[in-house]
Amino acid sequence: MIELLQAAPAPLLALGTEYYLFGGAGLISLAAFVGLILVPALGAYGRPWEKFAAGFLSLFVLAALVIAGLILGLAVFYNWDAVSAWF
């Protein structure tokens, strides 16, 4: 049994902390979307087709939030010299 653990490649055994941080941030963001946007949208309607439409339109809200986050992240990345001077 110990031989199997020692034979595993090193990248499979050790992940950098940034992977755990980004994964945790992703899970928190997904939970916030579900709890603050999707659940109230689905709870506001009674008919199944209305719930489906509200859930489908909530995906557009999610897409808009992801795109806004990507644009903001890219802006910070490309202007890091100016941004880092703020700190």
Protein backbone atom coordinates (compact mmCIF):
# COMPACT_ATOMS: atom_id res chain seq x y z
CA MET A 1 0.00 0.00 0.00
CA ILE A 2 2.80 2.42 0.88
CA GLU A 3 4.48 1.62 -2.43
CA LEU A 4 1.40 2.84 -4.31
CA LEU A 5 1.46 6.19 -2.52
CA GLN A 6 5.15 6.64 -3.17
CA ALA A 7 4.71 5.79 -6.86
CA ALA A 8 2.21 8.61 -7.46
CA PRO A 9 3.59 11.51 -9.47
CA ALA A 10 4.50 14.56 -7.41
CA PRO A 11 2.06 16.99 -9.14
CA LEU A 12 -0.86 14.82 -8.08
CA LEU A 13 0.16 14.96 -4.44
CA ALA A 14 0.82 18.66 -4.00
CA LEU A 15 -1.40 21.49 -5.16
CA GLY A 16 -0.43 25.07 -4.66
CA THR A 17 -2.41 27.14 -2.20
CA GLU A 18 -3.65 29.38 -5.01
CA TYR A 19 -5.70 26.47 -6.39
CA TYR A 20 -7.43 26.04 -3.05
CA LEU A 21 -8.02 29.80 -2.76
CA PHE A 22 -9.46 30.18 -6.26
CA GLY A 23 -11.55 27.04 -5.82
CA GLY A 24 -12.93 28.33 -2.53
CA ALA A 25 -13.67 31.73 -4.06
CA GLY A 26 -15.46 30.02 -6.93
CA LEU A 27 -17.59 27.95 -4.55
CA ILE A 28 -18.45 31.01 -2.44
CA SER A 29 -19.38 32.96 -5.58
CA LEU A 30 -21.56 30.13 -6.87
CA ALA A 31 -23.29 29.80 -3.49
CA ALA A 32 -23.91 33.57 -3.44
CA PHE A 33 -25.43 33.42 -6.93
CA VAL A 34 -27.70 30.54 -6.00
CA GLY A 35 -28.75 32.04 -2.66
CA LEU A 36 -29.14 35.67 -3.70
CA ILE A 37 -30.32 35.44 -7.32
CA LEU A 38 -31.53 32.00 -8.38
CA VAL A 39 -33.57 30.95 -5.33
CA PRO A 40 -35.54 34.24 -5.06
CA ALA A 41 -36.16 34.22 -8.82
CA LEU A 42 -37.54 30.68 -8.70
CA GLY A 43 -39.55 31.35 -5.56
CA ALA A 44 -41.28 34.38 -7.04
CA TYR A 45 -43.31 32.34 -9.53
CA GLY A 46 -45.74 29.46 -9.15
CA ARG A 47 -46.14 27.88 -12.56
CA PRO A 48 -43.44 25.50 -13.79
CA TRP A 49 -42.90 27.34 -17.08
CA GLU A 50 -42.48 30.62 -15.17
CA LYS A 51 -39.92 29.02 -12.88
CA PHE A 52 -38.07 27.65 -15.92
CA ALA A 53 -38.06 31.08 -17.58
CA ALA A 54 -36.84 32.76 -14.38
CA GLY A 55 -34.06 30.18 -14.02
CA PHE A 56 -33.06 30.61 -17.66
CA LEU A 57 -32.95 34.40 -17.34
CA SER A 58 -30.90 34.05 -14.16
CA LEU A 59 -28.23 32.40 -16.28
CA PHE A 60 -27.93 35.69 -18.18
CA VAL A 61 -27.34 37.47 -14.88
CA LEU A 62 -24.64 34.91 -14.06
CA ALA A 63 -23.04 35.42 -17.48
CA ALA A 64 -23.07 39.20 -17.00
CA LEU A 65 -21.41 38.87 -13.59
CA VAL A 66 -18.73 36.53 -14.97
CA ILE A 67 -18.02 38.85 -17.91
CA ALA A 68 -17.83 41.89 -15.61
CA GLY A 69 -15.40 40.01 -13.35
CA LEU A 70 -13.24 39.00 -16.30
CA ILE A 71 -13.12 42.57 -17.63
CA LEU A 72 -12.23 43.96 -14.21
CA GLY A 73 -9.60 41.26 -13.68
CA LEU A 74 -8.03 41.91 -17.08
CA ALA A 75 -7.99 45.66 -16.43
CA VAL A 76 -6.17 45.11 -13.15
CA PHE A 77 -3.78 42.62 -14.79
CA TYR A 78 -2.81 44.91 -17.66
CA ASN A 79 -2.50 48.00 -15.44
CA TRP A 80 -0.82 46.29 -12.49
CA ASP A 81 2.04 48.81 -12.34
CA ALA A 82 -0.40 51.66 -11.71
CA VAL A 83 -2.66 49.57 -9.45
CA SER A 84 0.20 48.36 -7.26
CA ALA A 85 1.24 51.97 -6.63
CA TRP A 86 -2.08 52.50 -4.82
CA PHE A 87 -0.95 50.10 -2.12
